[in-house]
């Protein structure tokens, strides 16, 4: 890392500019993509494994219903396990895009863009209820029961 100070006569301010080596830039891009793709892949793979194994076990125990029918039934029952990773990817996409946009702000007027990027990064964790509880019939039923018990 190399830092240098640049005096801007036009705006009457001093800029602190950091230059990274190309290898650090490549590492930064790789880490951002890794932290974006790996959790998504793990969520999808684990959801598919859960659905497949449940259908396989049910097909073995219920010989009247084929594996294919059990698989379709498990996909319908556990669709929230497949929907959630895609919702999280959509919510995290703006953060990934903003992480690749680097540069200096020319004036204070551009600061809203970087501030919004910071706040966008909190959206996936704030949307946990909508992403995991609302698509699931079981979680939604338990939540409604909890609310009923809370008010009685």
N, C-alpha and C. Protein backbone atom coordinates (compact mmCIF):
# COMPACT_ATOMS: atom_id res chain seq x y z
N UNK A 1 0.84 -1.17 0.00
CA UNK A 1 0.00 0.00 0.00
C UNK A 1 0.89 1.24 0.00
N UNK A 2 0.50 2.16 -0.77
CA UNK A 2 1.20 3.44 -0.83
C UNK A 2 0.18 4.55 -0.65
N UNK A 3 0.47 5.43 0.26
CA UNK A 3 -0.40 6.58 0.48
C UNK A 3 0.34 7.84 0.06
N UNK A 4 -0.43 8.74 -0.50
CA UNK A 4 0.18 10.03 -0.83
C UNK A 4 -0.86 11.11 -0.66
N UNK A 5 -0.41 12.30 -0.37
CA UNK A 5 -1.28 13.45 -0.18
C UNK A 5 -1.25 14.31 -1.43
N UNK A 6 -2.42 14.72 -1.87
CA UNK A 6 -2.54 15.58 -3.04
C UNK A 6 -3.29 16.84 -2.61
N UNK A 7 -2.68 17.98 -2.85
CA UNK A 7 -3.33 19.25 -2.53
C UNK A 7 -4.19 19.66 -3.72
N UNK A 8 -5.47 19.85 -3.48
CA UNK A 8 -6.42 20.27 -4.50
C UNK A 8 -6.69 21.76 -4.32
N UNK A 9 -6.11 22.55 -5.20
CA UNK A 9 -6.25 24.01 -5.10
C UNK A 9 -7.67 24.45 -5.43
N UNK A 10 -8.32 23.73 -6.36
CA UNK A 10 -9.65 24.11 -6.81
C UNK A 10 -10.67 24.03 -5.67
N UNK A 11 -10.64 22.93 -4.92
CA UNK A 11 -11.60 22.75 -3.83
C UNK A 11 -11.01 23.10 -2.47
N UNK A 12 -9.79 23.50 -2.46
CA UNK A 12 -9.09 23.91 -1.23
C UNK A 12 -9.16 22.81 -0.17
N UNK A 13 -8.68 21.65 -0.56
CA UNK A 13 -8.63 20.53 0.38
C UNK A 13 -7.48 19.62 0.01
N UNK A 14 -7.13 18.76 0.92
CA UNK A 14 -6.06 17.80 0.71
C UNK A 14 -6.66 16.41 0.63
N UNK A 15 -6.28 15.66 -0.41
CA UNK A 15 -6.76 14.31 -0.61
C UNK A 15 -5.71 13.32 -0.15
N UNK A 16 -6.15 12.29 0.55
CA UNK A 16 -5.27 11.18 0.89
C UNK A 16 -5.63 10.04 -0.06
N UNK A 17 -4.72 9.71 -0.95
CA UNK A 17 -4.97 8.71 -1.97
C UNK A 17 -4.15 7.47 -1.64
N UNK A 18 -4.81 6.32 -1.68
CA UNK A 18 -4.14 5.05 -1.42
C UNK A 18 -4.09 4.26 -2.72
N UNK A 19 -2.92 3.84 -3.09
CA UNK A 19 -2.74 3.00 -4.27
C UNK A 19 -2.39 1.59 -3.83
N UNK A 20 -3.10 0.62 -4.38
CA UNK A 20 -2.82 -0.77 -4.07
C UNK A 20 -2.09 -1.41 -5.25
N UNK A 21 -1.33 -2.41 -4.94
CA UNK A 21 -0.67 -3.15 -6.02
C UNK A 21 -1.74 -3.97 -6.76
N UNK A 22 -1.47 -4.36 -8.01
CA UNK A 22 -2.45 -5.16 -8.75
C UNK A 22 -2.82 -6.47 -8.06
N UNK A 23 -1.87 -7.08 -7.37
CA UNK A 23 -2.17 -8.34 -6.69
C UNK A 23 -3.16 -8.12 -5.54
N UNK A 24 -3.04 -7.00 -4.83
CA UNK A 24 -4.00 -6.70 -3.75
C UNK A 24 -5.38 -6.42 -4.34
N UNK A 25 -5.42 -5.75 -5.50
CA UNK A 25 -6.69 -5.50 -6.17
C UNK A 25 -7.37 -6.79 -6.60
N UNK A 26 -6.59 -7.71 -7.14
CA UNK A 26 -7.14 -9.01 -7.55
C UNK A 26 -7.62 -9.79 -6.32
N UNK A 27 -6.86 -9.73 -5.25
CA UNK A 27 -7.25 -10.40 -4.00
C UNK A 27 -8.57 -9.82 -3.48
N UNK A 28 -8.73 -8.50 -3.54
CA UNK A 28 -9.96 -7.85 -3.08
C UNK A 28 -11.16 -8.31 -3.90
N UNK A 29 -11.01 -8.35 -5.21
CA UNK A 29 -12.10 -8.81 -6.07
C UNK A 29 -12.43 -10.28 -5.77
N UNK A 30 -11.41 -11.10 -5.62
CA UNK A 30 -11.62 -12.52 -5.35
C UNK A 30 -12.34 -12.73 -4.01
N UNK A 31 -11.95 -11.99 -3.00
CA UNK A 31 -12.60 -12.12 -1.68
C UNK A 31 -14.05 -11.67 -1.75
N UNK A 32 -14.33 -10.58 -2.46
CA UNK A 32 -15.72 -10.12 -2.58
C UNK A 32 -16.58 -11.14 -3.31
N UNK A 33 -16.07 -11.70 -4.38
CA UNK A 33 -16.83 -12.71 -5.11
C UNK A 33 -16.98 -13.98 -4.27
N UNK A 34 -15.93 -14.37 -3.57
CA UNK A 34 -15.98 -15.55 -2.70
C UNK A 34 -17.06 -15.39 -1.64
N UNK A 35 -17.07 -14.23 -0.97
CA UNK A 35 -18.07 -14.00 0.09
C UNK A 35 -19.47 -13.81 -0.46
N UNK A 36 -19.59 -13.61 -1.73
CA UNK A 36 -20.89 -13.47 -2.37
C UNK A 36 -21.41 -14.83 -2.85
N UNK A 37 -20.55 -15.61 -3.48
CA UNK A 37 -20.98 -16.85 -4.14
C UNK A 37 -21.00 -18.08 -3.22
N UNK A 38 -20.02 -18.20 -2.35
CA UNK A 38 -19.92 -19.41 -1.54
C UNK A 38 -21.13 -19.59 -0.60
N UNK A 39 -21.57 -18.57 0.15
CA UNK A 39 -22.77 -18.78 0.97
C UNK A 39 -24.00 -19.14 0.14
N UNK A 40 -24.13 -18.50 -1.03
CA UNK A 40 -25.25 -18.84 -1.92
C UNK A 40 -25.18 -20.30 -2.35
N UNK A 41 -24.02 -20.73 -2.78
CA UNK A 41 -23.85 -22.11 -3.22
C UNK A 41 -24.10 -23.09 -2.08
N UNK A 42 -23.60 -22.77 -0.89
CA UNK A 42 -23.80 -23.66 0.25
C UNK A 42 -25.28 -23.75 0.63
N UNK A 43 -25.99 -22.62 0.59
CA UNK A 43 -27.42 -22.63 0.88
C UNK A 43 -28.18 -23.47 -0.14
N UNK A 44 -27.86 -23.30 -1.42
CA UNK A 44 -28.55 -24.06 -2.46
C UNK A 44 -28.25 -25.55 -2.36
N UNK A 45 -26.99 -25.89 -2.19
CA UNK A 45 -26.60 -27.30 -2.10
C UNK A 45 -27.23 -27.97 -0.89
N UNK A 46 -27.19 -27.30 0.26
CA UNK A 46 -27.77 -27.91 1.46
C UNK A 46 -29.29 -28.06 1.32
N UNK A 47 -29.96 -27.10 0.68
CA UNK A 47 -31.40 -27.22 0.46
C UNK A 47 -31.70 -28.40 -0.46
N UNK A 48 -30.92 -28.53 -1.52
CA UNK A 48 -31.14 -29.65 -2.44
C UNK A 48 -30.85 -31.00 -1.79
N UNK A 49 -29.83 -31.06 -0.96
CA UNK A 49 -29.51 -32.31 -0.26
C UNK A 49 -30.63 -32.68 0.71
N UNK A 50 -31.13 -31.68 1.45
CA UNK A 50 -32.23 -31.94 2.38
C UNK A 50 -33.45 -32.46 1.63
N UNK A 51 -33.82 -31.80 0.55
CA UNK A 51 -35.00 -32.20 -0.22
C UNK A 51 -34.80 -33.59 -0.83
N UNK A 52 -33.63 -33.82 -1.42
CA UNK A 52 -33.35 -35.11 -2.05
C UNK A 52 -33.37 -36.24 -1.01
N UNK A 53 -32.67 -36.05 0.11
CA UNK A 53 -32.62 -37.11 1.13
C UNK A 53 -33.99 -37.38 1.73
N UNK A 54 -34.77 -36.35 1.97
CA UNK A 54 -36.11 -36.55 2.51
C UNK A 54 -36.97 -37.32 1.52
N UNK A 55 -36.90 -36.97 0.26
CA UNK A 55 -37.68 -37.68 -0.76
C UNK A 55 -37.21 -39.13 -0.88
N UNK A 56 -35.91 -39.34 -0.81
CA UNK A 56 -35.37 -40.70 -0.92
C UNK A 56 -35.83 -41.57 0.26
N UNK A 57 -35.75 -41.03 1.47
CA UNK A 57 -36.17 -41.79 2.66
C UNK A 57 -37.66 -42.08 2.61
N UNK A 58 -38.45 -41.11 2.19
CA UNK A 58 -39.90 -41.33 2.10
C UNK A 58 -40.24 -42.34 1.00
N UNK A 59 -39.50 -42.31 -0.09
CA UNK A 59 -39.76 -43.27 -1.17
C UNK A 59 -39.44 -44.69 -0.71
N UNK A 60 -38.40 -44.84 0.12
CA UNK A 60 -38.05 -46.16 0.65
C UNK A 60 -39.11 -46.66 1.64
N UNK A 61 -39.64 -45.74 2.45
CA UNK A 61 -40.61 -46.17 3.48
C UNK A 61 -42.03 -46.27 2.93
N UNK A 62 -42.35 -45.51 1.89
CA UNK A 62 -43.69 -45.55 1.29
C UNK A 62 -43.56 -46.10 -0.13
N UNK A 63 -43.71 -47.36 -0.28
CA UNK A 63 -43.47 -47.99 -1.57
C UNK A 63 -44.56 -47.69 -2.60
N UNK A 64 -45.71 -47.17 -2.15
CA UNK A 64 -46.80 -46.85 -3.09
C UNK A 64 -46.49 -45.60 -3.91
N UNK A 65 -45.70 -44.70 -3.33
CA UNK A 65 -45.39 -43.44 -4.00
C UNK A 65 -43.96 -43.51 -4.51
N UNK A 66 -43.77 -43.14 -5.76
CA UNK A 66 -42.44 -43.24 -6.36
C UNK A 66 -41.52 -42.14 -5.83
N UNK A 67 -40.22 -42.32 -6.09
CA UNK A 67 -39.24 -41.32 -5.67
C UNK A 67 -39.51 -39.98 -6.34
N UNK A 68 -39.87 -40.04 -7.62
CA UNK A 68 -40.12 -38.80 -8.37
C UNK A 68 -41.29 -38.02 -7.76
N UNK A 69 -42.36 -38.72 -7.40
CA UNK A 69 -43.51 -38.06 -6.77
C UNK A 69 -43.13 -37.49 -5.41
N UNK A 70 -42.35 -38.27 -4.65
CA UNK A 70 -41.89 -37.77 -3.35
C UNK A 70 -41.00 -36.54 -3.52
N UNK A 71 -40.16 -36.55 -4.55
CA UNK A 71 -39.27 -35.42 -4.80
C UNK A 71 -40.08 -34.16 -5.10
N UNK A 72 -41.09 -34.28 -5.97
CA UNK A 72 -41.92 -33.12 -6.28
C UNK A 72 -42.67 -32.63 -5.04
N UNK A 73 -43.12 -33.56 -4.22
CA UNK A 73 -43.83 -33.19 -2.99
C UNK A 73 -42.88 -32.46 -2.03
N UNK A 74 -41.66 -32.96 -1.89
CA UNK A 74 -40.69 -32.32 -1.00
C UNK A 74 -40.27 -30.95 -1.51
N UNK A 75 -40.19 -30.80 -2.82
CA UNK A 75 -39.88 -29.47 -3.38
C UNK A 75 -41.00 -28.50 -3.05
N UNK A 76 -42.24 -28.95 -3.16
CA UNK A 76 -43.38 -28.08 -2.83
C UNK A 76 -43.42 -27.74 -1.34
N UNK A 77 -43.12 -28.73 -0.50
CA UNK A 77 -43.16 -28.50 0.95
C UNK A 77 -42.01 -27.61 1.40
N UNK A 78 -40.84 -27.81 0.81
CA UNK A 78 -39.64 -27.08 1.24
C UNK A 78 -39.21 -26.01 0.25
N UNK A 79 -40.15 -25.43 -0.45
CA UNK A 79 -39.80 -24.41 -1.44
C UNK A 79 -39.12 -23.21 -0.80
N UNK A 80 -39.41 -22.95 0.46
CA UNK A 80 -38.76 -21.82 1.14
C UNK A 80 -37.25 -22.02 1.25
N UNK A 81 -36.80 -23.28 1.29
CA UNK A 81 -35.36 -23.54 1.33
C UNK A 81 -34.68 -23.19 0.01
N UNK A 82 -35.44 -23.23 -1.07
CA UNK A 82 -34.90 -22.87 -2.38
C UNK A 82 -35.06 -21.37 -2.68
N UNK A 83 -36.12 -20.77 -2.16
CA UNK A 83 -36.39 -19.36 -2.41
C UNK A 83 -35.42 -18.47 -1.63
N UNK A 84 -35.13 -18.82 -0.40
CA UNK A 84 -34.32 -17.97 0.48
C UNK A 84 -32.95 -17.62 -0.08
N UNK A 85 -32.16 -18.57 -0.61
CA UNK A 85 -30.85 -18.18 -1.14
C UNK A 85 -30.93 -17.18 -2.29
N UNK A 86 -31.95 -17.33 -3.13
CA UNK A 86 -32.08 -16.41 -4.26
C UNK A 86 -32.48 -15.01 -3.78
N UNK A 87 -33.33 -14.95 -2.76
CA UNK A 87 -33.67 -13.64 -2.20
C UNK A 87 -32.44 -12.98 -1.57
N UNK A 88 -31.64 -13.76 -0.88
CA UNK A 88 -30.43 -13.20 -0.27
C UNK A 88 -29.44 -12.71 -1.33
N UNK A 89 -29.34 -13.42 -2.44
CA UNK A 89 -28.46 -12.99 -3.53
C UNK A 89 -28.94 -11.67 -4.11
N UNK A 90 -30.24 -11.55 -4.33
CA UNK A 90 -30.79 -10.32 -4.88
C UNK A 90 -30.56 -9.16 -3.93
N UNK A 91 -30.71 -9.41 -2.62
CA UNK A 91 -30.51 -8.34 -1.64
C UNK A 91 -29.03 -7.96 -1.49
N UNK A 92 -28.13 -8.91 -1.72
CA UNK A 92 -26.70 -8.63 -1.56
C UNK A 92 -26.05 -8.10 -2.84
N UNK A 93 -26.73 -8.21 -3.95
CA UNK A 93 -26.16 -7.78 -5.23
C UNK A 93 -25.75 -6.30 -5.25
N UNK A 94 -26.57 -5.37 -4.74
CA UNK A 94 -26.11 -3.97 -4.74
C UNK A 94 -24.82 -3.75 -3.96
N UNK A 95 -24.65 -4.48 -2.86
CA UNK A 95 -23.42 -4.34 -2.07
C UNK A 95 -22.22 -4.82 -2.88
N UNK A 96 -22.38 -5.90 -3.63
CA UNK A 96 -21.29 -6.41 -4.44
C UNK A 96 -20.93 -5.43 -5.55
N UNK A 97 -21.94 -4.88 -6.19
CA UNK A 97 -21.70 -3.92 -7.27
C UNK A 97 -20.96 -2.69 -6.73
N UNK A 98 -21.41 -2.18 -5.61
CA UNK A 98 -20.78 -0.99 -5.03
C UNK A 98 -19.36 -1.28 -4.57
N UNK A 99 -19.09 -2.51 -4.15
CA UNK A 99 -17.73 -2.84 -3.72
C UNK A 99 -16.75 -2.81 -4.89
N UNK A 100 -17.23 -2.99 -6.12
CA UNK A 100 -16.36 -2.92 -7.28
C UNK A 100 -16.19 -1.50 -7.81
N UNK A 101 -17.06 -0.61 -7.39
CA UNK A 101 -16.95 0.78 -7.83
C UNK A 101 -16.08 1.53 -6.85
N UNK A 102 -14.87 1.73 -7.22
CA UNK A 102 -13.98 2.47 -6.33
C UNK A 102 -13.56 3.76 -7.01
N UNK A 103 -13.22 4.70 -6.22
CA UNK A 103 -12.78 5.97 -6.77
C UNK A 103 -12.94 7.06 -5.74
N UNK A 104 -12.46 8.20 -6.08
CA UNK A 104 -12.54 9.33 -5.17
C UNK A 104 -13.83 10.09 -5.44
N UNK A 105 -14.38 10.63 -4.37
CA UNK A 105 -15.52 11.50 -4.52
C UNK A 105 -15.00 12.89 -4.88
N UNK A 106 -15.52 13.45 -5.92
CA UNK A 106 -15.04 14.77 -6.35
C UNK A 106 -15.53 15.85 -5.40
N UNK A 107 -16.73 15.69 -4.91
CA UNK A 107 -17.25 16.69 -3.98
C UNK A 107 -18.13 16.01 -2.96
N UNK A 108 -18.63 16.78 -2.05
CA UNK A 108 -19.47 16.25 -0.99
C UNK A 108 -20.82 15.77 -1.56
N UNK A 109 -21.18 16.24 -2.73
CA UNK A 109 -22.46 15.86 -3.33
C UNK A 109 -22.52 14.38 -3.69
N UNK A 110 -21.39 13.73 -3.94
CA UNK A 110 -21.38 12.32 -4.30
C UNK A 110 -21.38 11.39 -3.09
N UNK A 111 -21.30 11.92 -1.92
CA UNK A 111 -21.18 11.07 -0.73
C UNK A 111 -22.42 10.23 -0.47
N UNK A 112 -23.59 10.63 -0.96
CA UNK A 112 -24.80 9.86 -0.75
C UNK A 112 -24.69 8.47 -1.36
N UNK A 113 -23.98 8.37 -2.49
CA UNK A 113 -23.83 7.09 -3.17
C UNK A 113 -23.12 6.07 -2.28
N UNK A 114 -22.02 6.48 -1.67
CA UNK A 114 -21.26 5.57 -0.81
C UNK A 114 -21.98 5.32 0.51
N UNK A 115 -22.70 6.31 0.99
CA UNK A 115 -23.49 6.13 2.21
C UNK A 115 -24.61 5.12 1.97
N UNK A 116 -25.28 5.22 0.83
CA UNK A 116 -26.33 4.26 0.49
C UNK A 116 -25.75 2.85 0.33
N UNK A 117 -24.56 2.76 -0.23
CA UNK A 117 -23.90 1.46 -0.35
C UNK A 117 -23.64 0.83 1.02
N UNK A 118 -23.29 1.67 1.98
CA UNK A 118 -23.06 1.17 3.33
C UNK A 118 -24.37 0.65 3.93
N UNK A 119 -25.45 1.39 3.77
CA UNK A 119 -26.72 0.97 4.34
C UNK A 119 -27.32 -0.22 3.60
N UNK A 120 -27.08 -0.33 2.32
CA UNK A 120 -27.58 -1.47 1.55
C UNK A 120 -26.98 -2.78 2.07
N UNK A 121 -25.77 -2.72 2.57
CA UNK A 121 -25.14 -3.95 3.06
C UNK A 121 -25.86 -4.54 4.27
N UNK A 122 -26.69 -3.74 4.96
CA UNK A 122 -27.43 -4.24 6.12
C UNK A 122 -28.77 -4.87 5.73
N UNK A 123 -29.22 -4.68 4.52
CA UNK A 123 -30.54 -5.16 4.12
C UNK A 123 -30.70 -6.67 4.27
N UNK A 124 -29.75 -7.51 3.82
CA UNK A 124 -29.97 -8.96 3.97
C UNK A 124 -30.18 -9.39 5.42
N UNK A 125 -29.43 -8.86 6.35
CA UNK A 125 -29.62 -9.27 7.74
C UNK A 125 -30.93 -8.72 8.31
N UNK A 126 -31.39 -7.57 7.82
CA UNK A 126 -32.66 -7.03 8.29
C UNK A 126 -33.84 -7.78 7.68
N UNK A 127 -33.63 -8.43 6.55
CA UNK A 127 -34.71 -9.12 5.86
C UNK A 127 -34.82 -10.59 6.23
N UNK A 128 -34.15 -11.02 7.28
CA UNK A 128 -34.16 -12.43 7.67
C UNK A 128 -35.58 -12.93 7.89
N UNK A 129 -36.41 -12.14 8.55
CA UNK A 129 -37.79 -12.56 8.80
C UNK A 129 -38.53 -12.79 7.49
N UNK A 130 -38.43 -11.85 6.57
CA UNK A 130 -39.14 -11.96 5.30
C UNK A 130 -38.58 -13.07 4.42
N UNK A 131 -37.28 -13.32 4.54
CA UNK A 131 -36.65 -14.31 3.66
C UNK A 131 -36.85 -15.73 4.17
N UNK A 132 -36.80 -15.94 5.48
CA UNK A 132 -36.85 -17.30 6.01
C UNK A 132 -38.19 -17.68 6.64
N UNK A 133 -38.85 -16.74 7.33
CA UNK A 133 -40.06 -17.09 8.06
C UNK A 133 -41.29 -17.04 7.16
N UNK A 134 -41.47 -15.97 6.41
CA UNK A 134 -42.69 -15.82 5.62
C UNK A 134 -42.86 -16.88 4.52
N UNK A 135 -41.81 -17.31 3.81
CA UNK A 135 -42.03 -18.36 2.80
C UNK A 135 -42.32 -19.75 3.38
N UNK A 136 -41.98 -19.97 4.63
CA UNK A 136 -42.14 -21.29 5.24
C UNK A 136 -43.48 -21.38 5.96
N UNK A 137 -44.28 -22.39 5.60
CA UNK A 137 -45.57 -22.58 6.26
C UNK A 137 -45.39 -22.92 7.73
N UNK A 138 -44.40 -23.76 8.04
CA UNK A 138 -44.18 -24.17 9.42
C UNK A 138 -43.72 -23.00 10.29
N UNK A 139 -42.75 -22.22 9.81
CA UNK A 139 -42.27 -21.07 10.58
C UNK A 139 -43.36 -20.02 10.73
N UNK A 140 -44.14 -19.83 9.67
CA UNK A 140 -45.21 -18.84 9.73
C UNK A 140 -46.26 -19.25 10.75
N UNK A 141 -46.59 -20.54 10.77
CA UNK A 141 -47.57 -21.06 11.74
C UNK A 141 -47.04 -20.89 13.17
N UNK A 142 -45.78 -21.19 13.39
CA UNK A 142 -45.19 -21.03 14.72
C UNK A 142 -45.15 -19.55 15.12
N UNK A 143 -44.88 -18.67 14.18
CA UNK A 143 -44.86 -17.25 14.48
C UNK A 143 -46.25 -16.76 14.89
N UNK A 144 -47.27 -17.18 14.14
CA UNK A 144 -48.64 -16.79 14.49
C UNK A 144 -49.02 -17.32 15.86
N UNK A 145 -48.63 -18.55 16.16
CA UNK A 145 -48.92 -19.12 17.49
C UNK A 145 -48.20 -18.31 18.57
N UNK A 146 -46.97 -17.92 18.33
CA UNK A 146 -46.22 -17.11 19.28
C UNK A 146 -46.91 -15.78 19.54
N UNK A 147 -47.39 -15.14 18.48
CA UNK A 147 -48.09 -13.85 18.62
C UNK A 147 -49.39 -14.04 19.41
N UNK A 148 -50.13 -15.10 19.12
CA UNK A 148 -51.36 -15.38 19.88
C UNK A 148 -51.05 -15.59 21.35
N UNK A 149 -50.01 -16.37 21.65
CA UNK A 149 -49.63 -16.62 23.04
C UNK A 149 -49.14 -15.35 23.73
N UNK A 150 -48.54 -14.48 22.98
CA UNK A 150 -48.03 -13.23 23.52
C UNK A 150 -49.15 -12.31 23.99
N UNK A 151 -50.25 -12.28 23.24
CA UNK A 151 -51.37 -11.38 23.57
C UNK A 151 -52.40 -12.04 24.48
N UNK A 152 -52.30 -13.30 24.79
CA UNK A 152 -53.27 -13.95 25.68
C UNK A 152 -52.66 -14.28 27.00
